[in-house]
Amino acid sequence: MIDIKNVISKLKNNRPLFHSEADFQLAFAWEIQSQYPNAQIRLEYNYPYVSNNVYLDIWVNYNGINIPIELKYKTKKSSFIINDEAFNLKNHSAQDCGRYDFIKDISRLEQVISKETHSIGYAIMLTNDNLYWNVSTKIDSVDAAFKIHEGRNLCGALAWGELASAGTKRGRESEIVLTNSYNLNWNPYSKVSDSSSGEFKILIVEVS
């Protein structure tokens, strides 16, 4: 079995941050290949055994076990110089949509895992935006069902609040129904500066 936490532990020593989500995906896959040379790894894998088109960020087969992985990299606008390399991160904002998409990843992985005899999936988010991991003081927000803050138990049918605008929901109208429940725990990934955007945390959700 591939030790995902060890993969991340080694990765953060070499790559404390990334230029983009694609950069994160490539580095993550490269680290798995480095630690497990016999693993078969595919990027943007089109999984064929569910009704709708499902593209998975990373698909790993190792010793007969299939490991689908979905990654999210959400950043606040910031600039850093790390080992003489310049990083100019975008401001993704739209945390409500970011949360929805992450939970959708979990749901998608549940669909895939249900079709595979020997498999385990991982939905992973890396961010320097504390609005993802901090508990919101606004309890009646339109995306309350999709909060992924520290300590949240994620389960059941999740839908937008009644006051959510059509613009907010565009492309994300459907409720998300999770088969299992997930306790969410954020862990430190890196600290590249003392600024409010210099701390990165990672959330790993195991789907089995």
Protein backbone atom coordinates (compact mmCIF):
# COMPACT_ATOMS: atom_id res chain seq x y z
CA MET A 1 0.00 0.00 0.00
CA ILE A 2 1.21 3.50 -0.78
CA ASP A 3 1.71 5.68 2.31
CA ILE A 4 0.15 8.97 1.20
CA LYS A 5 1.12 10.79 4.39
CA ASN A 6 4.75 9.83 3.87
CA VAL A 7 4.53 10.99 0.25
CA ILE A 8 3.32 14.38 1.48
CA SER A 9 5.97 14.51 4.21
CA LYS A 10 8.74 14.03 1.63
CA LEU A 11 7.10 16.36 -0.87
CA LYS A 12 6.87 19.33 1.48
CA ASN A 13 10.60 19.16 2.18
CA ASN A 14 11.33 19.77 -1.50
CA ARG A 15 8.27 21.77 -2.53
CA PRO A 16 6.84 23.97 0.22
CA LEU A 17 4.50 25.60 -2.32
CA PHE A 18 3.53 25.38 -5.98
CA HIS A 19 2.89 27.72 -8.89
CA SER A 20 -0.48 26.22 -9.75
CA GLU A 21 -2.74 23.22 -9.28
CA ALA A 22 -1.17 21.56 -12.32
CA ASP A 23 2.27 22.07 -10.76
CA PHE A 24 1.00 20.49 -7.54
CA GLN A 25 -0.44 17.50 -9.43
CA LEU A 26 2.76 16.86 -11.36
CA ALA A 27 4.99 17.16 -8.28
CA PHE A 28 2.69 14.88 -6.28
CA ALA A 29 2.70 12.21 -8.99
CA TRP A 30 6.48 12.54 -9.38
CA GLU A 31 6.98 12.00 -5.64
CA ILE A 32 4.84 8.86 -5.69
CA GLN A 33 6.84 7.52 -8.64
CA SER A 34 10.12 8.31 -6.86
CA GLN A 35 9.09 6.42 -3.73
CA TYR A 36 7.32 3.59 -5.55
CA PRO A 37 9.15 2.97 -8.85
CA ASN A 38 6.90 0.04 -9.75
CA ALA A 39 3.70 2.04 -9.45
CA GLN A 40 1.76 2.70 -12.64
CA ILE A 41 0.68 6.34 -12.64
CA ARG A 42 -1.63 8.24 -14.97
CA LEU A 43 -2.62 11.92 -14.94
CA GLU A 44 -6.09 13.19 -15.90
CA TYR A 45 -7.35 9.62 -16.08
CA ASN A 46 -10.79 9.23 -17.67
CA TYR A 47 -12.47 6.61 -15.49
CA PRO A 48 -14.78 4.54 -17.73
CA TYR A 49 -17.07 2.70 -15.31
CA VAL A 50 -19.48 5.39 -14.14
CA SER A 51 -22.34 6.99 -16.05
CA ASN A 52 -20.89 10.48 -16.37
CA ASN A 53 -17.41 11.43 -17.55
CA VAL A 54 -15.07 11.37 -14.57
CA TYR A 55 -11.56 12.68 -14.99
CA LEU A 56 -9.30 11.94 -12.03
CA ASP A 57 -6.23 14.05 -11.33
CA ILE A 58 -4.02 11.06 -10.56
CA TRP A 59 -4.65 7.34 -10.97
CA VAL A 60 -2.19 4.96 -9.32
CA ASN A 61 -2.06 1.18 -9.56
CA TYR A 62 0.34 -0.39 -7.10
CA ASN A 63 0.50 -4.09 -6.30
CA GLY A 64 -3.00 -4.62 -7.66
CA ILE A 65 -4.56 -1.76 -5.65
CA ASN A 66 -6.12 1.18 -7.50
CA ILE A 67 -5.65 4.58 -5.88
CA PRO A 68 -7.56 7.51 -7.40
CA ILE A 69 -6.44 10.91 -6.13
CA GLU A 70 -8.12 14.30 -6.50
CA LEU A 71 -6.11 17.44 -5.66
CA LYS A 72 -7.12 21.02 -5.04
CA TYR A 73 -4.74 23.98 -4.65
CA LYS A 74 -6.47 27.19 -3.56
CA THR A 75 -4.40 30.30 -2.92
CA LYS A 76 -4.59 33.89 -1.80
CA LYS A 77 -2.77 36.43 -3.96
CA SER A 78 0.81 36.53 -2.73
CA SER A 79 4.41 36.53 -3.88
CA PHE A 80 7.37 34.64 -2.45
CA ILE A 81 10.98 33.91 -3.30
CA ILE A 82 11.95 30.36 -2.33
CA ASN A 83 15.47 29.13 -3.13
CA ASP A 84 15.83 31.87 -5.75
CA GLU A 85 12.57 30.83 -7.43
CA ALA A 86 9.79 33.42 -7.72
CA PHE A 87 6.23 32.36 -6.90
CA ASN A 88 3.37 34.69 -7.82
CA LEU A 89 0.20 33.05 -6.58
CA LYS A 90 -3.25 33.90 -7.87
CA ASN A 91 -6.16 35.03 -5.75
CA HIS A 92 -8.73 32.28 -6.23
CA SER A 93 -11.29 33.66 -3.73
CA ALA A 94 -14.81 32.17 -4.28
CA GLN A 95 -14.30 29.90 -1.28
CA ASP A 96 -17.92 28.76 -1.45
CA CYS A 97 -17.34 27.24 -4.89
CA GLY A 98 -13.98 25.88 -3.80
CA ARG A 99 -15.63 24.03 -0.92
CA TYR A 100 -18.38 22.67 -3.17
CA ASP A 101 -15.83 21.41 -5.69
CA PHE A 102 -13.76 19.70 -3.01
CA ILE A 103 -16.78 17.87 -1.61
CA LYS A 104 -17.76 16.97 -5.18
CA ASP A 105 -14.32 15.35 -5.47
CA ILE A 106 -15.12 13.20 -2.43
CA SER A 107 -18.45 12.18 -3.95
CA ARG A 108 -16.77 11.37 -7.26
CA LEU A 109 -14.22 9.20 -5.47
CA GLU A 110 -17.01 7.36 -3.66
CA GLN A 111 -18.51 6.49 -7.05
CA VAL A 112 -15.19 5.18 -8.32
CA ILE A 113 -14.36 3.20 -5.18
CA SER A 114 -17.78 1.52 -5.29
CA LYS A 115 -16.81 0.05 -8.67
CA GLU A 116 -13.39 -1.22 -7.65
CA THR A 117 -12.71 -4.34 -5.57
CA HIS A 118 -9.27 -3.32 -4.32
CA SER A 119 -9.06 0.44 -4.04
CA ILE A 120 -8.69 3.45 -1.80
CA GLY A 121 -9.11 7.09 -2.77
CA TYR A 122 -7.84 10.43 -1.51
CA ALA A 123 -9.27 13.93 -1.83
CA ILE A 124 -6.60 16.45 -0.89
CA MET A 125 -6.69 20.23 -0.59
CA LEU A 126 -3.64 22.44 -0.07
CA THR A 127 -4.20 26.13 0.65
CA ASN A 128 -2.84 29.26 2.27
CA ASP A 129 -6.35 30.67 2.66
CA ASN A 130 -7.42 30.34 6.29
CA LEU A 131 -11.08 30.82 5.36
CA TYR A 132 -11.06 27.14 4.42
CA TRP A 133 -9.80 25.75 7.73
CA ASN A 134 -11.15 28.31 10.21
CA VAL A 135 -14.64 27.98 11.64
CA SER A 136 -16.86 30.71 10.23
CA THR A 137 -18.75 32.96 12.64
CA LYS A 138 -21.55 33.30 10.07
CA ILE A 139 -23.75 30.28 10.66
CA ASP A 140 -26.44 31.13 8.11
CA SER A 141 -24.25 31.55 5.01
CA VAL A 142 -25.60 30.13 1.75
CA ASP A 143 -22.74 27.61 1.63
CA ALA A 144 -23.06 26.49 5.28
CA ALA A 145 -23.59 22.86 4.19
CA PHE A 146 -20.29 22.87 2.33
CA LYS A 147 -18.02 24.15 5.10
CA ILE A 148 -14.81 22.11 5.42
CA HIS A 149 -13.29 23.75 8.49
CA GLU A 150 -11.24 21.98 11.13
CA GLY A 151 -13.28 19.44 13.08
CA ARG A 152 -16.23 19.34 10.67
CA ASN A 153 -18.04 16.03 10.22
CA LEU A 154 -19.04 15.83 6.58
CA CYS A 155 -21.92 13.52 5.70
CA GLY A 156 -25.31 13.10 4.06
CA ALA A 157 -27.06 15.30 1.52
CA LEU A 158 -25.50 18.75 1.15
CA ALA A 159 -27.19 21.63 -0.69
CA TRP A 160 -26.97 25.40 -1.09
CA GLY A 161 -29.00 27.63 1.18
CA GLU A 162 -32.25 29.04 -0.17
CA LEU A 163 -30.75 32.50 -0.68
CA ALA A 164 -27.85 31.33 -2.85
CA SER A 165 -27.87 33.27 -6.10
CA ALA A 166 -28.04 31.69 -9.54
CA GLY A 167 -24.58 33.10 -10.24
CA THR A 168 -23.11 31.42 -7.19
CA LYS A 169 -24.65 28.07 -8.11
CA ARG A 170 -23.96 28.19 -11.84
CA GLY A 171 -22.53 24.82 -12.84
CA ARG A 172 -22.90 23.61 -9.26
CA GLU A 173 -26.68 23.49 -8.82
CA SER A 174 -27.02 19.84 -7.77
CA GLU A 175 -26.91 18.77 -4.15
CA ILE A 176 -24.06 16.45 -3.20
CA VAL A 177 -24.90 13.21 -1.43
CA LEU A 178 -22.12 11.46 0.46
CA THR A 179 -22.41 7.77 1.25
CA ASN A 180 -19.98 7.83 4.17
CA SER A 181 -19.07 10.40 6.82
CA TYR A 182 -15.71 12.13 7.11
CA ASN A 183 -14.09 13.91 10.03
CA LEU A 184 -12.01 16.77 8.67
CA ASN A 185 -8.59 17.52 10.12
CA TRP A 186 -6.22 20.13 8.69
CA ASN A 187 -2.48 19.70 9.18
CA PRO A 188 0.46 22.08 8.70
CA TYR A 189 2.17 21.77 5.34
CA SER A 190 4.65 24.65 5.19
CA LYS A 191 5.32 28.16 6.42
CA VAL A 192 7.13 30.24 3.84
CA SER A 193 6.74 33.64 5.54
CA ASP A 194 5.26 35.32 8.59
CA SER A 195 2.60 37.04 6.50
CA SER A 196 -1.06 36.02 6.69
CA SER A 197 -0.68 34.20 3.37
CA GLY A 198 2.61 32.51 4.22
CA GLU A 199 1.14 29.50 6.04
CA PHE A 200 -0.05 26.50 4.03
CA LYS A 201 -2.24 23.75 5.45
CA ILE A 202 -3.36 20.47 3.95
CA LEU A 203 -6.58 18.48 4.27
CA ILE A 204 -6.54 14.76 3.42
CA VAL A 205 -9.79 12.84 3.14
CA GLU A 206 -9.46 9.08 2.73
CA VAL A 207 -12.25 7.41 0.77
CA SER A 208 -12.63 3.65 1.06
